[in-house]
Protein backbone atom coordinates (compact mmCIF):
# COMPACT_ATOMS: atom_id res chain seq x y z
CA UNK A 1 1.06 -42.27 -13.92
CA UNK A 2 1.10 -44.72 -11.01
CA UNK A 3 4.57 -43.82 -9.66
CA UNK A 4 5.31 -40.87 -7.34
CA UNK A 5 8.12 -38.36 -7.75
CA UNK A 6 9.55 -38.42 -4.24
CA UNK A 7 11.66 -35.32 -4.90
CA UNK A 8 8.53 -33.32 -5.68
CA UNK A 9 6.84 -34.22 -2.41
CA UNK A 10 10.02 -33.46 -0.48
CA UNK A 11 10.09 -29.97 -2.04
CA UNK A 12 6.35 -29.53 -1.39
CA UNK A 13 6.67 -30.37 2.31
CA UNK A 14 9.72 -28.12 2.60
CA UNK A 15 7.87 -25.24 0.91
CA UNK A 16 4.77 -25.53 3.09
CA UNK A 17 6.93 -25.91 6.20
CA UNK A 18 8.89 -22.74 5.43
CA UNK A 19 5.63 -20.90 4.76
CA UNK A 20 4.30 -22.07 8.11
CA UNK A 21 7.34 -20.74 9.94
CA UNK A 22 6.76 -17.37 8.26
CA UNK A 23 3.07 -17.30 9.17
CA UNK A 24 1.96 -17.74 5.55
CA UNK A 25 -1.16 -19.68 4.56
CA UNK A 26 -0.78 -21.79 1.41
CA UNK A 27 -3.69 -22.14 -0.99
CA UNK A 28 -2.90 -25.35 -2.84
CA UNK A 29 -4.74 -25.63 -6.15
CA UNK A 30 -5.09 -29.30 -6.97
CA UNK A 31 -6.10 -28.86 -10.62
CA UNK A 32 -6.33 -26.27 -13.37
CA UNK A 33 -8.21 -26.36 -16.67
CA UNK A 34 -6.45 -26.50 -20.01
CA UNK A 35 -7.20 -23.13 -21.54
CA UNK A 36 -6.04 -24.07 -25.03
CA UNK A 37 -4.66 -26.97 -27.05
CA UNK A 38 -1.04 -25.95 -26.56
CA UNK A 39 -1.37 -26.63 -22.81
CA UNK A 40 -3.12 -29.94 -23.31
CA UNK A 41 -0.39 -31.12 -25.69
CA UNK A 42 2.14 -30.73 -22.85
CA UNK A 43 0.13 -32.41 -20.09
CA UNK A 44 1.10 -35.81 -18.67
CA UNK A 45 -2.63 -36.54 -18.48
CA UNK A 46 -2.72 -36.50 -22.28
CA UNK A 47 -2.51 -40.07 -23.61
CA UNK A 48 0.26 -38.97 -25.96
CA UNK A 49 2.51 -38.26 -22.94
CA UNK A 50 1.96 -41.24 -20.63
CA UNK A 51 2.48 -45.02 -20.81
CA UNK A 52 -0.74 -45.91 -19.00
CA UNK A 53 -3.11 -45.67 -21.94
CA UNK A 54 -5.26 -43.08 -20.18
CA UNK A 55 -6.29 -39.60 -21.26
CA UNK A 56 -7.24 -40.21 -24.88
CA UNK A 57 -9.86 -37.48 -24.62
CA UNK A 58 -10.41 -33.88 -25.60
CA UNK A 59 -9.03 -31.29 -23.19
CA UNK A 60 -12.62 -30.30 -22.30
CA UNK A 61 -13.36 -33.83 -21.02
CA UNK A 62 -10.41 -34.19 -18.64
CA UNK A 63 -12.33 -33.14 -15.51
CA UNK A 64 -15.56 -35.11 -15.87
CA UNK A 65 -17.08 -38.20 -14.28
CA UNK A 66 -18.12 -39.92 -17.49
CA UNK A 67 -15.82 -39.01 -20.42
CA UNK A 68 -12.43 -38.79 -18.72
CA UNK A 69 -10.73 -41.66 -20.53
CA UNK A 70 -9.48 -43.32 -17.34
CA UNK A 71 -8.09 -40.15 -15.78
CA UNK A 72 -10.47 -39.98 -12.81
CA UNK A 73 -8.72 -42.77 -10.90
CA UNK A 74 -5.34 -41.08 -11.48
CA UNK A 75 -6.71 -37.73 -10.32
CA UNK A 76 -8.24 -39.19 -7.19
CA UNK A 77 -5.01 -41.02 -6.38
CA UNK A 78 -3.02 -37.79 -6.70
CA UNK A 79 -5.43 -35.96 -4.40
CA UNK A 80 -5.17 -38.67 -1.75
CA UNK A 81 -1.37 -38.55 -1.99
CA UNK A 82 -1.08 -34.76 -1.65
CA UNK A 83 -3.63 -34.57 1.15
CA UNK A 84 -1.85 -37.33 3.05
CA UNK A 85 1.63 -35.83 2.57
CA UNK A 86 0.51 -32.41 3.88
CA UNK A 87 -1.81 -33.55 6.63
CA UNK A 88 0.59 -32.51 9.39
CA UNK A 89 0.53 -28.83 8.38
CA UNK A 90 -2.05 -26.39 9.73
CA UNK A 91 -1.36 -23.58 7.22
CA UNK A 92 -2.90 -25.18 4.12
CA UNK A 93 -6.27 -25.18 2.46
CA UNK A 94 -7.14 -27.03 -0.74
CA UNK A 95 -8.73 -25.36 -3.75
CA UNK A 96 -10.29 -28.02 -5.95
CA UNK A 97 -9.60 -26.38 -9.28
CA UNK A 98 -8.45 -22.98 -10.47
CA UNK A 99 -11.00 -21.28 -12.75
CA UNK A 100 -13.11 -24.38 -13.43
CA UNK A 101 -15.55 -22.22 -15.37
CA UNK A 102 -13.14 -22.55 -18.31
CA UNK A 103 -12.30 -25.73 -20.19
CA UNK A 104 -15.25 -28.03 -19.50
CA UNK A 105 -14.71 -28.72 -15.78
CA UNK A 106 -17.99 -30.12 -14.45
CA UNK A 107 -19.55 -29.35 -11.09
CA UNK A 108 -20.13 -33.05 -10.42
CA UNK A 109 -16.40 -33.71 -10.85
CA UNK A 110 -15.54 -30.89 -8.43
CA UNK A 111 -17.90 -32.37 -5.85
CA UNK A 112 -16.27 -35.76 -6.34
CA UNK A 113 -12.82 -34.31 -5.59
CA UNK A 114 -14.20 -32.64 -2.45
CA UNK A 115 -15.56 -36.04 -1.38
CA UNK A 116 -12.11 -37.61 -1.93
CA UNK A 117 -10.44 -34.98 0.28
CA UNK A 118 -12.98 -35.54 3.06
CA UNK A 119 -12.74 -39.33 2.87
CA UNK A 120 -8.93 -39.23 2.90
CA UNK A 121 -8.72 -36.94 5.92
CA UNK A 122 -11.34 -38.88 7.84
CA UNK A 123 -8.62 -41.36 8.83
CA UNK A 124 -5.93 -38.70 9.39
CA UNK A 125 -5.27 -36.44 12.41
CA UNK A 126 -6.10 -33.10 10.73
CA UNK A 127 -8.96 -31.86 8.60
CA UNK A 128 -8.38 -28.89 6.29
CA UNK A 129 -10.58 -26.30 4.66
CA UNK A 130 -11.69 -26.87 1.08
CA UNK A 131 -12.16 -24.04 -1.40
CA UNK A 132 -14.16 -23.91 -4.60
CA UNK A 133 -13.36 -21.27 -7.22
CA UNK A 134 -16.78 -20.04 -8.32
CA UNK A 135 -16.48 -17.34 -10.98
CA UNK A 136 -14.78 -14.23 -12.28
CA UNK A 137 -16.52 -11.16 -10.89
CA UNK A 138 -19.67 -12.31 -9.17
CA UNK A 139 -22.17 -15.16 -9.09
CA UNK A 140 -24.74 -16.57 -6.74
CA UNK A 141 -23.90 -20.03 -5.42
CA UNK A 142 -26.77 -22.49 -5.30
CA UNK A 143 -26.55 -25.56 -3.04
CA UNK A 144 -22.81 -25.52 -2.28
CA UNK A 145 -21.09 -28.78 -1.43
CA UNK A 146 -21.33 -29.29 2.37
CA UNK A 147 -17.56 -29.80 2.69
CA UNK A 148 -16.65 -26.58 0.87
CA UNK A 149 -15.87 -23.85 3.41
CA UNK A 150 -14.43 -21.16 1.11
CA UNK A 151 -16.14 -19.72 -1.96
CA UNK A 152 -13.43 -18.00 -3.98
CA UNK A 153 -13.90 -15.46 -6.77
CA UNK A 154 -11.48 -13.69 -9.09
CA UNK A 155 -11.53 -9.97 -9.93
CA UNK A 156 -14.39 -9.43 -7.48
CA UNK A 157 -14.52 -5.65 -7.71
CA UNK A 158 -16.96 -4.17 -6.80
CA UNK A 159 -17.58 -6.79 -4.09
CA UNK A 160 -21.20 -7.53 -5.04
CA UNK A 161 -20.61 -11.26 -4.77
CA UNK A 162 -20.24 -10.98 -0.98
CA UNK A 163 -23.82 -9.80 -0.58
CA UNK A 164 -25.07 -12.38 -3.05
CA UNK A 165 -23.64 -15.25 -0.98
CA UNK A 166 -23.33 -13.93 2.57
CA UNK A 167 -26.34 -15.92 3.80
CA UNK A 168 -24.50 -19.17 3.02
CA UNK A 169 -22.25 -18.58 6.07
CA UNK A 170 -19.09 -19.57 4.19
CA UNK A 171 -15.84 -17.65 3.84
CA UNK A 172 -16.12 -15.59 0.66
CA UNK A 173 -12.78 -14.81 -0.96
CA UNK A 174 -11.33 -12.58 -3.66
CA UNK A 175 -8.23 -14.62 -4.39
CA UNK A 176 -7.02 -13.27 -7.71
CA UNK A 177 -6.73 -9.67 -8.87
CA UNK A 178 -5.47 -7.89 -11.95
CA UNK A 179 -6.37 -6.26 -15.25
CA UNK A 180 -6.87 -2.91 -13.50
CA UNK A 181 -3.53 -1.40 -14.47
CA UNK A 182 -0.23 -1.38 -12.60
CA UNK A 183 -0.97 1.43 -10.13
CA UNK A 184 -1.51 0.63 -6.46
CA UNK A 185 -4.83 2.36 -5.85
CA UNK A 186 -7.18 -0.05 -7.69
CA UNK A 187 -5.90 -3.04 -5.73
CA UNK A 188 -5.80 -1.26 -2.37
CA UNK A 189 -9.38 -0.11 -2.92
CA UNK A 190 -10.42 -3.60 -4.06
CA UNK A 191 -8.94 -5.13 -0.90
CA UNK A 192 -10.51 -2.66 1.54
CA UNK A 193 -13.87 -2.74 -0.22
CA UNK A 194 -14.02 -6.53 -0.30
CA UNK A 195 -13.09 -7.06 3.34
CA UNK A 196 -15.29 -4.23 4.66
CA UNK A 197 -18.17 -5.63 2.58
CA UNK A 198 -17.91 -8.82 4.66
CA UNK A 199 -15.42 -10.84 2.62
CA UNK A 200 -13.14 -13.19 4.53
CA UNK A 201 -10.14 -13.58 2.21
CA UNK A 202 -8.17 -11.33 -0.12
CA UNK A 203 -5.20 -12.52 -2.12
CA UNK A 204 -3.44 -10.20 -4.57
CA UNK A 205 -1.81 -11.53 -7.73
CA UNK A 206 1.53 -9.75 -7.28
CA UNK A 207 3.64 -9.46 -10.43
CA UNK A 208 6.70 -8.20 -8.56
CA UNK A 209 7.51 -11.79 -7.52
CA UNK A 210 9.48 -13.41 -10.34
CA UNK A 211 12.42 -15.74 -10.89
CA UNK A 212 15.49 -13.93 -9.59
CA UNK A 213 13.25 -11.56 -7.61
CA UNK A 214 11.80 -13.94 -5.05
CA UNK A 215 11.65 -11.06 -2.55
CA UNK A 216 9.05 -9.26 -4.66
CA UNK A 217 11.17 -6.49 -6.17
CA UNK A 218 10.80 -7.17 -9.89
CA UNK A 219 10.04 -3.96 -11.79
CA UNK A 220 7.54 -5.11 -14.39
CA UNK A 221 6.77 -3.27 -17.65
CA UNK A 222 3.77 -0.97 -18.00
CA UNK A 223 2.02 -3.56 -20.19
CA UNK A 224 1.83 -6.04 -17.29
CA UNK A 225 -1.82 -7.02 -16.64
CA UNK A 226 -1.61 -6.38 -12.90
CA UNK A 227 0.35 -4.68 -10.15
CA UNK A 228 2.27 -5.33 -6.96
CA UNK A 229 5.36 -4.03 -5.17
CA UNK A 230 6.71 -3.54 -1.64
CA UNK A 231 4.82 -0.26 -1.22
CA UNK A 232 1.48 -1.87 -2.08
CA UNK A 233 2.16 -4.75 0.29
CA UNK A 234 2.70 -2.24 3.09
CA UNK A 235 -0.69 -0.75 2.22
CA UNK A 236 -2.25 -4.21 2.52
CA UNK A 237 -0.64 -4.46 5.94
CA UNK A 238 -2.49 -1.31 7.00
CA UNK A 239 -5.74 -3.12 6.16
CA UNK A 240 -4.64 -6.23 8.03
CA UNK A 241 -3.75 -4.26 11.15
CA UNK A 242 -7.00 -2.28 10.95
CA UNK A 243 -9.12 -5.44 10.78
CA UNK A 244 -7.09 -7.28 13.42
CA UNK A 245 -7.71 -4.33 15.76
CA UNK A 246 -11.40 -5.27 15.74
CA UNK A 247 -13.30 -8.35 16.83
CA UNK A 248 -14.09 -8.76 13.15
CA UNK A 249 -15.39 -12.34 13.28
CA UNK A 250 -18.37 -11.00 15.24
CA UNK A 251 -18.99 -8.13 12.81
CA UNK A 252 -21.41 -8.18 9.87
CA UNK A 253 -22.03 -6.00 6.82
CA UNK A 254 -24.51 -3.22 7.55
CA UNK A 255 -26.10 -1.07 4.86
CA UNK A 256 -28.25 0.92 7.29
CA UNK A 257 -25.61 2.74 9.34
CA UNK A 258 -24.20 5.35 6.95
CA UNK A 259 -26.59 8.01 5.67
CA UNK A 260 -26.40 11.15 3.55
CA UNK A 261 -23.15 10.24 1.85
CA UNK A 262 -22.19 12.06 -1.36
CA UNK A 263 -23.09 10.11 -4.51
CA UNK A 264 -19.48 10.12 -5.74
CA UNK A 265 -18.40 7.77 -2.93
CA UNK A 266 -18.78 4.04 -2.38
CA UNK A 267 -19.19 2.99 1.26
CA UNK A 268 -18.75 -0.38 2.98
CA UNK A 269 -19.52 -0.89 6.65
CA UNK A 270 -19.02 -3.68 9.19
CA UNK A 271 -20.73 -3.43 12.57
CA UNK A 272 -21.14 -5.20 15.86
CA UNK A 273 -24.00 -3.10 17.22
CA UNK A 274 -23.01 -1.10 20.29
CA UNK A 275 -19.46 -2.42 20.24
CA UNK A 276 -17.72 -1.54 16.97
CA UNK A 277 -18.22 0.04 13.58
CA UNK A 278 -15.71 -0.02 10.71
CA UNK A 279 -16.39 2.12 7.65
CA UNK A 280 -14.52 2.50 4.39
CA UNK A 281 -15.12 5.27 1.84
CA UNK A 282 -13.66 5.35 -1.65
CA UNK A 283 -14.17 7.99 -4.29
CA UNK A 284 -15.31 6.92 -7.73
CA UNK A 285 -13.14 9.70 -9.18
CA UNK A 286 -10.23 11.04 -7.18
CA UNK A 287 -9.78 14.84 -7.04
CA UNK A 288 -6.45 16.49 -7.77
CA UNK A 289 -5.94 17.44 -4.10
CA UNK A 290 -7.41 16.33 -0.77
CA UNK A 291 -10.97 17.48 -0.14
CA UNK A 292 -13.59 16.82 2.50
CA UNK A 293 -17.34 16.57 2.14
CA UNK A 294 -19.34 19.78 1.76
CA UNK A 295 -21.54 18.71 4.69
CA UNK A 296 -21.28 16.16 7.52
CA UNK A 297 -22.85 12.77 6.98
CA UNK A 298 -24.90 10.79 9.46
CA UNK A 299 -24.27 7.49 11.25
CA UNK A 300 -27.08 5.57 12.94
CA UNK A 301 -25.41 4.34 16.14
CA UNK A 302 -27.03 2.78 19.22
CA UNK A 303 -27.19 5.11 22.28
CA UNK A 304 -23.83 5.58 23.95
CA UNK A 305 -20.52 7.43 23.97
CA UNK A 306 -18.05 6.55 21.22
CA UNK A 307 -14.51 7.23 20.09
CA UNK A 308 -14.01 7.65 16.34
CA UNK A 309 -10.63 7.52 14.55
CA UNK A 310 -10.14 8.36 10.86
CA UNK A 311 -7.33 6.45 9.13
CA UNK A 312 -5.39 6.98 5.91
CA UNK A 313 -5.39 3.56 4.12
CA UNK A 314 -2.35 4.64 2.13
CA UNK A 315 -0.03 5.16 5.11
CA UNK A 316 -1.90 3.88 8.16
CA UNK A 317 -1.62 7.32 9.73
CA UNK A 318 -4.41 8.68 11.89
CA UNK A 319 -6.05 11.73 10.31
CA UNK A 320 -8.53 12.72 12.99
CA UNK A 321 -9.90 11.49 16.32
CA UNK A 322 -13.18 12.63 17.79
CA UNK A 323 -15.68 11.72 20.51
CA UNK A 324 -19.34 11.11 19.74
CA UNK A 325 -22.52 10.75 21.75
CA UNK A 326 -25.52 9.00 20.25
CA UNK A 327 -28.99 9.28 21.65
CA UNK A 328 -30.30 6.65 19.28
CA UNK A 329 -30.72 8.88 16.27
CA UNK A 330 -28.19 9.94 13.64
CA UNK A 331 -24.78 11.22 14.75
CA UNK A 332 -23.22 13.83 12.47
CA UNK A 333 -19.57 13.44 11.44
CA UNK A 334 -17.30 15.66 9.43
CA UNK A 335 -14.90 13.88 7.09
CA UNK A 336 -11.21 14.90 6.99
CA UNK A 337 -9.90 15.85 3.53
CA UNK A 338 -8.78 12.85 1.47
CA UNK A 339 -8.10 12.02 -2.17
CA UNK A 340 -9.01 8.42 -2.96
CA UNK A 341 -10.09 6.58 0.17
CA UNK A 342 -10.41 6.85 3.93
CA UNK A 343 -11.34 4.50 6.79
CA UNK A 344 -13.17 5.05 10.06
CA UNK A 345 -13.12 2.98 13.23
CA UNK A 346 -15.68 3.60 15.98
CA UNK A 347 -15.72 1.87 19.37
CA UNK A 348 -17.31 2.68 22.74
CA UNK A 349 -15.24 5.19 24.72
CA UNK A 350 -14.82 2.66 27.52
CA UNK A 351 -12.83 0.48 25.10
CA UNK A 352 -11.09 3.11 22.97
CA UNK A 353 -7.69 2.10 21.61
CA UNK A 354 -7.70 -0.99 23.80
CA UNK A 355 -10.47 -2.59 21.70
CA UNK A 356 -8.56 -5.47 20.13
CA UNK A 357 -11.12 -8.23 20.64
CA UNK A 358 -12.55 -9.96 23.65
C-alpha cells in the first residue's frame, strides 16, 4: 500500500491527455463506497488483501476519521499522488467520492479529502475544481466546504435541487442519469430542464459505451437501466449549441417571465433582463401528433424590440421566427405545434442571430 504502480499513472496521464486534445473534461472520482460485502472482500484496502496491516475494519468504516483502521494515511497519500501527477492538465476536476450517501462515508472525512487536495495544489502551478456528490434526486446543502466548487447530484429530475441550492453560488450538476427507461426523450428532457433551470453541469450515463464499442455504438438490451446512443448524443449537442449561443454565465433562472402556460407543461427560463431570454417547455404527457397551445401565452419582457426563435430540441431545426415589441407589459406569443418539448430564444433585434456573447 506504500508503493505506486507506475504503469497505472502512465495510463492515467495518457487518458487525460487524449481527452484534453478532444476537448473532453474528465471528472475523476477519487473514491467510491463499498455497496456490499462482495465489493469489500475484493478491495486492496481490506486488511485481508494487503501486507500493511491496515484496513481491519467494517466496510462502513473505511471512509471515516476515527475508525478507519489506518487507512486514512493511505487514502491521503493516494490523493496527493493523483493530484500531483495530473496537475499539468486543465481539463480535470476532482470528485471526492461517488455516492458517499451509501456505505458509511462521513462528511468530516469528505472535508478532510478536500483539504488534502487544496494543500497539495497550494505548492503546484495549477489549482483544480473540487466536486462533492451530494444526493440522489435533491437535497439542500448546508454550510458547504469552502473549497468545493461543484455540487453534484444524481437522477436530478425534476431539477428542484437547483432552486434549493442556487443561492450558494456554486456550480450545481446532474452528473448521473438512468432508471428512466432506454428511450431518448426522458434524458433529453432531463438535460434541457436541468440546464434551463440554472444548472451548470449535465453528464449522461451512456450505456452504449462498452468494451469493444468504445465509440458508443453498443446496442444494449431493453432491460438496461438507462439509455444512450449516437442519436441522443446529437440531441445533447443541440442543447450545447443553444446554450453556447447565449451569454449564459450572465443569465439566471426566472420564474416570473412566463405566464398563462397550460398546466400540462413544465417550463424553465433563464434570463438576462433586456438582453436575452431562453425558455424550455416540456409536456408532462406527449400527444400522439404535434399540437400547439389553444391560446397564446404571455411573457413579461422589459420594453424593447425583440427577435424570437422557436427551436426543436430533437433536431435543432428552427420551427418559427417572429418579431416582438414589449411596452413593459406582457407580450403574447403563439407556440408552434410540438409533441414532447420545444425551446425558445429571445434577444433584442439589434443583436439577433449575432448574439453569441459579449
